[in-house]
Protein backbone atom coordinates (compact mmCIF):
# COMPACT_ATOMS: atom_id res chain seq x y z
CA MET A 1 90.72 109.24 98.31
CA GLY A 2 87.91 107.93 100.48
CA ARG A 3 86.88 104.80 102.58
CA TYR A 4 86.08 102.06 99.87
CA THR A 5 82.30 100.95 99.42
CA ALA A 6 80.01 98.17 99.07
CA GLU A 7 79.07 100.20 95.14
CA GLN A 8 82.76 100.64 94.02
CA PHE A 9 83.26 96.99 95.04
CA LEU A 10 79.90 95.81 93.19
CA LEU A 11 81.48 97.83 90.27
CA ASN A 12 84.34 96.24 90.45
CA LEU A 13 83.13 92.74 90.53
CA THR A 14 80.86 93.65 87.24
CA GLU A 15 84.05 95.53 85.16
CA GLY A 16 85.70 91.98 85.28
CA ARG A 17 89.15 90.51 86.36
CA TYR A 18 91.29 92.40 84.09
CA ALA A 19 91.69 96.24 83.76
CA PHE A 20 90.22 97.68 80.77
CA PRO A 21 92.76 98.84 79.31
CA GLY A 22 95.52 96.92 78.83
CA GLY A 23 94.34 93.23 80.68
CA TYR A 24 95.58 93.58 83.30
CA PRO A 25 94.99 90.95 86.43
CA ARG A 26 93.13 92.26 89.19
CA TYR A 27 92.17 91.05 92.82
CA PHE A 28 90.81 92.87 96.14
CA ILE A 29 92.23 93.56 98.85
CA THR A 30 90.79 92.88 102.32
CA SER A 31 91.65 95.29 105.76
CA ASP A 32 94.35 92.20 107.24
CA GLY A 33 95.86 93.08 103.74
CA GLU A 34 95.23 89.09 102.52
CA ALA A 35 94.16 88.77 98.69
CA LEU A 36 91.55 88.20 97.20
CA SER A 37 91.12 86.66 94.14
CA TYR A 38 87.42 87.81 91.85
CA GLU A 39 86.69 84.05 91.56
CA SER A 40 86.45 83.93 95.43
CA ALA A 41 84.47 87.86 95.32
CA GLN A 42 82.26 86.85 93.60
CA LYS A 43 81.55 83.20 95.31
CA ASN A 44 81.49 85.21 98.85
CA GLN A 45 79.75 88.35 97.34
CA LYS A 46 76.95 88.80 100.40
CA LEU A 47 80.18 88.21 102.65
CA VAL A 48 81.82 90.88 101.44
CA VAL A 49 78.86 93.72 100.69
CA SER A 50 78.06 92.98 104.71
CA ALA A 51 81.45 94.01 105.81
CA ILE A 52 81.93 96.77 103.60
CA THR A 53 78.56 98.47 104.76
CA ASP A 54 79.01 97.52 108.83
CA GLU A 55 82.83 97.74 108.40
CA ASP A 56 83.28 94.36 109.96
CA SER A 57 86.75 94.05 109.65
CA THR A 58 86.61 90.35 112.30
CA GLY A 59 85.45 87.50 109.96
CA GLY A 60 88.28 88.62 106.66
CA TRP A 61 85.80 89.79 103.98
CA LEU A 62 86.16 93.55 104.35
CA VAL A 63 87.62 94.53 101.15
CA ILE A 64 89.53 98.08 101.16
CA GLY A 65 90.04 97.91 97.33
CA CYS A 66 90.75 96.47 94.04
CA GLU A 67 94.18 96.42 92.63
CA ILE A 68 96.76 94.91 89.91
CA ASN A 69 98.62 92.23 90.29
CA TRP A 70 101.78 93.53 88.22
CA GLU A 71 104.76 91.35 89.49
CA ASP A 72 103.91 89.42 92.21
CA SER A 73 104.19 85.18 91.19
CA HIS A 74 103.94 84.52 94.89
CA LEU A 75 100.20 85.64 95.13
CA TYR A 76 97.80 83.35 96.42
CA CYS A 77 94.12 84.11 97.10
CA ALA A 78 93.09 84.03 101.44
CA ASP A 79 89.87 82.34 100.98
CA SER A 80 90.85 79.72 97.61
CA ASN A 81 94.38 79.17 98.07
CA LYS A 82 94.40 79.77 94.35
CA LYS A 83 97.32 81.68 92.98
CA ILE A 84 96.28 84.85 91.79
CA GLU A 85 97.57 85.68 88.23
CA SER A 86 100.24 89.02 87.89
CA ALA A 87 100.87 90.66 84.68
CA TYR A 88 104.74 90.34 84.45
CA GLY A 89 106.03 87.99 87.41
CA ASP A 90 105.60 84.51 85.45
CA LEU A 91 107.62 85.63 82.66
CA ASP A 92 110.54 83.08 82.19
CA LYS A 93 113.69 84.61 83.75
CA GLN A 94 116.42 85.46 81.52
CA SER A 95 119.76 84.43 82.15
């Protein structure tokens, strides 16, 4: 698989925060390993597109992919510090 492009980022934004089919919650991954929520990615779309186009990892906006948060119930957005929803990690644990 090749380098994540600005076009892929914009397509992922257009597709929405939930994967189809299944409705699983997605988020973006930055080059420094941080998570970026859909809301923060939309709000900072110009910064992200610029960082991807220029391959500039210095500001923390270089997105390298979009993934589903399957089970990490402690995943927070590096920009907003808001919790990123998980598909299965927030389920009540049975005794």
